[in-house]
Protein backbone atom coordinates (compact mmCIF):
# COMPACT_ATOMS: atom_id res chain seq x y z
CA MET A 1 51.61 31.66 155.49
CA ARG A 2 52.53 34.11 152.87
CA LYS A 3 56.15 34.19 154.05
CA ARG A 4 56.24 30.41 153.93
CA GLY A 5 55.02 30.34 150.26
CA LEU A 6 57.56 33.00 149.28
CA PHE A 7 60.30 31.04 151.04
CA ILE A 8 59.34 27.79 149.18
CA CYS A 9 59.23 29.62 145.84
CA LEU A 10 62.65 31.18 146.47
CA LEU A 11 64.07 27.80 147.53
CA LEU A 12 62.67 26.18 144.39
CA CYS A 13 64.21 28.86 142.13
CA LEU A 14 67.61 28.50 143.80
CA SER A 15 67.55 24.70 143.45
CA ILE A 16 66.71 25.01 139.72
CA LEU A 17 69.56 27.47 139.17
CA ALA A 18 71.98 25.31 141.14
CA GLY A 19 70.95 22.24 139.17
CA CYS A 20 71.56 23.99 135.86
CA GLY A 21 74.98 25.11 136.98
CA LEU A 22 76.03 21.57 137.87
CA LYS A 23 74.99 20.09 134.53
CA PRO A 24 78.06 19.62 132.29
CA TRP A 25 77.99 21.36 128.92
CA LYS A 26 77.95 19.26 125.78
CA THR A 27 81.49 18.85 124.44
CA THR A 28 82.20 18.84 120.74
CA GLU A 29 83.91 15.84 119.21
CA ASP A 30 86.46 16.03 116.43
CA ASP A 31 85.00 15.44 112.99
CA PRO A 32 86.78 12.38 111.50
CA ARG A 33 86.36 13.80 107.98
CA THR A 34 88.67 16.73 108.75
CA LYS A 35 91.42 14.99 110.72
CA GLY A 36 94.08 15.54 108.02
CA GLU A 37 93.56 19.27 107.67
CA ASP A 38 96.02 20.16 110.44
CA GLN A 39 98.96 18.52 108.66
CA PHE A 40 98.01 19.57 105.12
CA ASP A 41 99.94 22.41 103.47
CA PRO A 42 98.14 23.70 100.36
CA LEU A 43 101.16 25.80 99.37
CA ALA A 44 103.27 22.67 98.87
CA PHE A 45 101.88 21.92 95.41
CA PRO A 46 104.49 22.81 92.76
CA GLN A 47 101.86 22.79 89.97
CA ASP A 48 100.30 26.02 91.16
CA ARG A 49 101.17 28.96 89.01
CA VAL A 50 100.17 32.57 88.67
CA ILE A 51 98.45 33.47 85.43
CA VAL A 52 98.78 37.10 84.32
CA THR A 53 96.71 38.36 81.42
CA GLU A 54 98.25 40.68 78.83
CA MET A 55 95.99 43.52 79.91
CA GLY A 56 97.08 43.14 83.54
CA ALA A 57 100.75 43.18 82.57
CA GLN A 58 100.31 46.32 80.42
CA ASN A 59 98.55 48.18 83.23
CA LYS A 60 101.31 47.26 85.65
CA GLU A 61 103.98 48.36 83.16
CA GLN A 62 102.44 51.84 82.88
CA GLY A 63 102.40 52.42 86.63
CA SER A 64 105.87 51.03 87.36
CA THR A 65 108.97 52.95 88.25
CA GLU A 66 112.00 52.91 85.94
CA PHE A 67 113.89 50.68 88.41
CA GLU A 68 111.12 48.06 88.38
CA LYS A 69 110.96 48.11 84.57
CA GLU A 70 114.72 47.47 84.25
CA ASN A 71 114.61 44.58 86.70
CA ARG A 72 111.64 43.00 84.95
CA LEU A 73 113.07 43.25 81.40
CA GLY A 74 115.82 40.68 81.79
CA PRO A 75 114.77 37.45 83.48
CA ASN A 76 117.45 35.84 85.56
CA ARG A 77 118.99 32.52 84.59
CA SER A 78 116.85 30.38 86.92
CA GLU A 79 113.60 31.75 85.41
CA VAL A 80 114.83 30.89 81.89
CA GLU A 81 115.88 27.40 82.91
CA GLU A 82 112.61 26.78 84.75
CA SER A 83 110.44 27.78 81.77
CA PHE A 84 112.65 25.82 79.40
CA PHE A 85 112.30 22.55 81.34
CA SER A 86 108.60 22.75 82.15
CA PHE A 87 105.97 21.16 79.95
CA THR A 88 102.19 20.87 79.81
CA VAL A 89 100.10 17.74 80.28
CA TYR A 90 96.36 17.19 80.27
CA ARG A 91 94.49 15.71 83.22
CA VAL A 92 90.83 15.02 83.84
CA GLN A 93 89.31 16.57 86.93
CA PHE A 94 86.38 14.48 88.04
CA PHE A 95 85.75 15.00 91.76
CA ALA A 96 85.90 17.81 94.34
CA THR A 97 85.29 17.65 98.08
CA LYS A 98 86.02 19.55 101.27
CA TYR A 99 87.23 16.40 103.04
CA PRO A 100 90.77 15.07 102.43
CA ASP A 101 89.95 11.49 103.44
CA GLN A 102 87.10 11.32 100.95
CA ALA A 103 89.34 12.69 98.19
CA ALA A 104 92.01 10.08 98.96
CA GLN A 105 89.46 7.27 98.94
CA VAL A 106 87.98 8.31 95.55
CA ALA A 107 91.45 8.81 94.06
CA GLU A 108 92.57 5.34 95.14
CA SER A 109 89.40 3.73 93.80
CA VAL A 110 89.69 5.36 90.36
CA ALA A 111 93.44 4.64 90.15
CA GLU A 112 92.68 0.94 90.60
CA GLN A 113 89.80 0.93 88.08
CA LEU A 114 91.61 2.85 85.33
CA SER A 115 95.22 1.86 86.04
CA GLN A 116 96.13 5.51 85.85
CA LYS A 117 97.92 7.78 88.35
CA THR A 118 95.60 10.12 90.29
CA TYR A 119 96.43 13.47 91.86
CA ILE A 120 94.84 15.39 94.72
CA GLU A 121 95.23 19.18 94.63
CA TYR A 122 93.97 21.63 97.21
CA LYS A 123 92.43 24.90 96.14
CA THR A 124 90.58 26.61 98.98
CA PRO A 125 88.18 25.23 100.09
CA TYR A 126 88.17 22.07 97.91
CA TYR A 127 90.36 19.04 97.32
CA TRP A 128 90.33 18.38 93.57
CA VAL A 129 90.88 14.84 92.34
CA ARG A 130 92.45 14.55 88.90
CA VAL A 131 93.64 11.60 86.85
CA GLY A 132 96.10 11.04 84.00
CA ASP A 133 99.22 12.47 82.43
CA CYS A 134 98.02 12.78 78.85
CA GLU A 135 100.29 14.33 76.22
CA THR A 136 97.43 15.29 73.89
CA ARG A 137 93.95 16.63 74.35
CA GLU A 138 92.56 13.62 72.46
CA GLU A 139 94.03 11.21 75.03
CA ALA A 140 92.49 13.25 77.83
CA ASP A 141 89.11 13.24 76.06
CA TYR A 142 89.27 9.44 75.81
CA LEU A 143 90.12 9.24 79.54
CA GLN A 144 87.18 11.55 80.29
CA ARG A 145 84.80 9.22 78.40
CA ARG A 146 86.12 6.28 80.47
CA LEU A 147 85.42 8.27 83.65
CA ASN A 148 81.90 9.03 82.42
CA LYS A 149 81.28 5.29 82.10
CA LEU A 150 82.38 4.87 85.74
CA GLY A 151 79.71 7.35 86.81
CA TYR A 152 81.74 10.56 87.00
CA GLU A 153 79.68 12.44 84.45
CA GLU A 154 80.67 15.93 85.56
CA SER A 155 84.35 15.83 84.62
CA TRP A 156 86.48 18.07 82.44
CA VAL A 157 89.96 18.27 80.96
CA VAL A 158 92.50 20.68 82.53
CA GLU A 159 95.97 21.71 81.47
CA VAL A 160 98.69 21.36 84.08
CA GLU A 161 102.23 22.71 83.85
CA ILE A 162 104.76 20.17 85.07
CA LYS A 163 108.16 21.28 86.36
CA PRO A 164 110.47 18.29 86.81
């Protein structure tokens, strides 16, 4: 009798283990909010620039070799031409999200409401939505007040260097 009970218990345990092994694992589905991330290249934005403070440049100058100092003193022709033809505009940043589709939808909506061009920029991990190409800070402030009336109360003016 005891052997029979042990046999039934063992058979029951084996059937439970076998049943768990046959059950398929839950598969993960692709998140539709992140479908554009595979094709997006954040390094493709020409507006990105490196900002070096004066203190950082002085510290680097002190630790540089003579060869590096000579090469850095005279900018080459392309650097001069690039800085000569670039200019600064003001834009209003009003929205940030981790999802590219949501950024595109908000940008399109605001572009229609304000009749202004919108821009989406990627800075890890956010997609920033900006609007306008204002020549003066006052124009950008006016555009910011218009955005506030649309419900985007947390917006601010940013300077962007444009290189045609």
